[in-house]
C-alpha atoms as a PDB file:
ATOM      1  CA  UNK A   1      52.937 -22.477 -17.215  1.00  0.00           C
ATOM      2  CA  UNK A   2      54.025 -20.838 -20.461  1.00  0.00           C
ATOM      3  CA  UNK A   3      50.518 -21.305 -21.822  1.00  0.00           C
ATOM      4  CA  UNK A   4      49.115 -19.241 -18.964  1.00  0.00           C
ATOM      5  CA  UNK A   5      51.644 -16.474 -19.581  1.00  0.00           C
ATOM      6  CA  UNK A   6      50.818 -16.528 -23.301  1.00  0.00           C
ATOM      7  CA  UNK A   7      47.093 -16.361 -22.583  1.00  0.00           C
ATOM      8  CA  UNK A   8      47.691 -13.497 -20.135  1.00  0.00           C
ATOM      9  CA  UNK A   9      49.649 -11.573 -22.769  1.00  0.00           C
ATOM     10  CA  UNK A  10      46.982 -12.117 -25.447  1.00  0.00           C
ATOM     11  CA  UNK A  11      44.196 -11.203 -23.005  1.00  0.00           C
ATOM     12  CA  UNK A  12      45.983  -8.011 -21.957  1.00  0.00           C
ATOM     13  CA  UNK A  13      46.456  -6.955 -25.575  1.00  0.00           C
ATOM     14  CA  UNK A  14      42.855  -7.817 -26.432  1.00  0.00           C
ATOM     15  CA  UNK A  15      41.509  -5.828 -23.459  1.00  0.00           C
ATOM     16  CA  UNK A  16      43.708  -2.753 -23.949  1.00  0.00           C
ATOM     17  CA  UNK A  17      43.586  -2.512 -27.731  1.00  0.00           C
ATOM     18  CA  UNK A  18      40.138  -0.847 -28.060  1.00  0.00           C
ATOM     19  CA  UNK A  19      40.943   1.824 -25.478  1.00  0.00           C
ATOM     20  CA  UNK A  20      44.451   2.537 -26.717  1.00  0.00           C
ATOM     21  CA  UNK A  21      43.441   2.382 -30.380  1.00  0.00           C
ATOM     22  CA  UNK A  22      40.678   4.958 -30.075  1.00  0.00           C
ATOM     23  CA  UNK A  23      42.847   7.192 -27.891  1.00  0.00           C
ATOM     24  CA  UNK A  24      45.652   7.011 -30.448  1.00  0.00           C
ATOM     25  CA  UNK A  25      43.320   7.954 -33.313  1.00  0.00           C
ATOM     26  CA  UNK A  26      41.999  10.936 -31.338  1.00  0.00           C
ATOM     27  CA  UNK A  27      45.578  11.981 -30.507  1.00  0.00           C
ATOM     28  CA  UNK A  28      46.563  11.929 -34.182  1.00  0.00           C
ATOM     29  CA  UNK A  29      43.493  13.975 -35.155  1.00  0.00           C
ATOM     30  CA  UNK A  30      44.245  16.536 -32.443  1.00  0.00           C
ATOM     31  CA  UNK A  31      47.892  16.707 -33.541  1.00  0.00           C
ATOM     32  CA  UNK A  32      46.814  17.365 -37.128  1.00  0.00           C
ATOM     33  CA  UNK A  33      44.453  20.086 -35.897  1.00  0.00           C
ATOM     34  CA  UNK A  34      47.233  21.644 -33.820  1.00  0.00           C
ATOM     35  CA  UNK A  35      49.660  21.573 -36.737  1.00  0.00           C
ATOM     36  CA  UNK A  36      47.103  23.139 -39.054  1.00  0.00           C
ATOM     37  CA  UNK A  37      46.154  25.925 -36.649  1.00  0.00           C
ATOM     38  CA  UNK A  38      49.553  26.299 -34.935  1.00  0.00           C
ATOM     39  CA  UNK A  39      47.882  26.191 -31.524  1.00  0.00           C
ATOM     40  CA  UNK A  40      50.224  24.391 -29.103  1.00  0.00           C
ATOM     41  CA  UNK A  41      48.079  24.237 -25.996  1.00  0.00           C
ATOM     42  CA  UNK A  42      48.643  21.229 -23.695  1.00  0.00           C
ATOM     43  CA  UNK A  43      45.069  21.125 -22.427  1.00  0.00           C
ATOM     44  CA  UNK A  44      43.859  20.859 -26.015  1.00  0.00           C
ATOM     45  CA  UNK A  45      45.438  17.393 -26.176  1.00  0.00           C
ATOM     46  CA  UNK A  46      44.883  16.245 -22.604  1.00  0.00           C
ATOM     47  CA  UNK A  47      41.166  16.896 -22.081  1.00  0.00           C
ATOM     48  CA  UNK A  48      39.838  15.155 -25.241  1.00  0.00           C
ATOM     49  CA  UNK A  49      42.111  12.131 -24.693  1.00  0.00           C
ATOM     50  CA  UNK A  50      40.958  11.862 -21.087  1.00  0.00           C
ATOM     51  CA  UNK A  51      37.298  12.158 -22.116  1.00  0.00           C
ATOM     52  CA  UNK A  52      37.631   9.582 -24.922  1.00  0.00           C
ATOM     53  CA  UNK A  53      39.505   7.158 -22.665  1.00  0.00           C
ATOM     54  CA  UNK A  54      36.832   7.376 -19.978  1.00  0.00           C
ATOM     55  CA  UNK A  55      34.092   7.015 -22.589  1.00  0.00           C
ATOM     56  CA  UNK A  56      35.742   3.902 -24.036  1.00  0.00           C
ATOM     57  CA  UNK A  57      36.091   2.403 -20.559  1.00  0.00           C
ATOM     58  CA  UNK A  58      32.378   2.976 -19.994  1.00  0.00           C
ATOM     59  CA  UNK A  59      31.444   1.491 -23.367  1.00  0.00           C
ATOM     60  CA  UNK A  60      33.851  -1.458 -23.345  1.00  0.00           C
ATOM     61  CA  UNK A  61      33.822  -1.980 -19.569  1.00  0.00           C
ATOM     62  CA  UNK A  62      31.329  -4.869 -19.467  1.00  0.00           C
ATOM     63  CA  UNK A  63      33.162  -6.713 -22.248  1.00  0.00           C
ATOM     64  CA  UNK A  64      36.516  -6.112 -20.531  1.00  0.00           C
ATOM     65  CA  UNK A  65      35.175  -7.482 -17.244  1.00  0.00           C
ATOM     66  CA  UNK A  66      33.698 -10.579 -18.942  1.00  0.00           C
ATOM     67  CA  UNK A  67      37.019 -11.212 -20.680  1.00  0.00           C
ATOM     68  CA  UNK A  68      39.052 -10.815 -17.493  1.00  0.00           C
ATOM     69  CA  UNK A  69      36.659 -12.949 -15.436  1.00  0.00           C
ATOM     70  CA  UNK A  70      36.782 -15.671 -18.096  1.00  0.00           C
ATOM     71  CA  UNK A  71      40.576 -15.586 -18.097  1.00  0.00           C
ATOM     72  CA  UNK A  72      40.662 -15.756 -14.297  1.00  0.00           C
ATOM     73  CA  UNK A  73      38.304 -18.745 -14.288  1.00  0.00           C
ATOM     74  CA  UNK A  74      40.509 -20.517 -16.853  1.00  0.00           C
ATOM     75  CA  UNK A  75      43.645 -19.869 -14.793  1.00  0.00           C
ATOM     76  CA  UNK A  76      42.028 -21.035 -11.562  1.00  0.00           C
ATOM     77  CA  UNK A  77      40.676 -24.150 -13.277  1.00  0.00           C
ATOM     78  CA  UNK A  78      44.131 -24.992 -14.623  1.00  0.00           C
ATOM     79  CA  UNK A  79      45.882 -24.819 -11.238  1.00  0.00           C
ATOM     80  CA  UNK A  80      45.278 -28.493 -10.315  1.00  0.00           C
ATOM     81  CA  UNK A  81      46.937 -29.562 -13.567  1.00  0.00           C
ATOM     82  CA  UNK A  82      50.063 -27.560 -12.706  1.00  0.00           C
ATOM     83  CA  UNK A  83      50.634 -29.276  -9.367  1.00  0.00           C
ATOM     84  CA  UNK A  84      52.805 -32.422  -9.322  1.00  0.00           C
END
């Protein structure tokens, strides 16, 4: 059972890391731009992060689905071994 939880944790990190990583890099770049220009507009941070997040989901979506389907198949295949 702990192996399944460990695999779930690793799979979740692996699936979310590309999206969150790119969004974080864009956020840092926008923050540097805001600090340099002293423009503190909320939409200046929200719209690019939203666009980049959606773009990354479109780009990485097929890989994410393959990863999640593979994990689900592994979990379902391991159920008979968990029963007494």
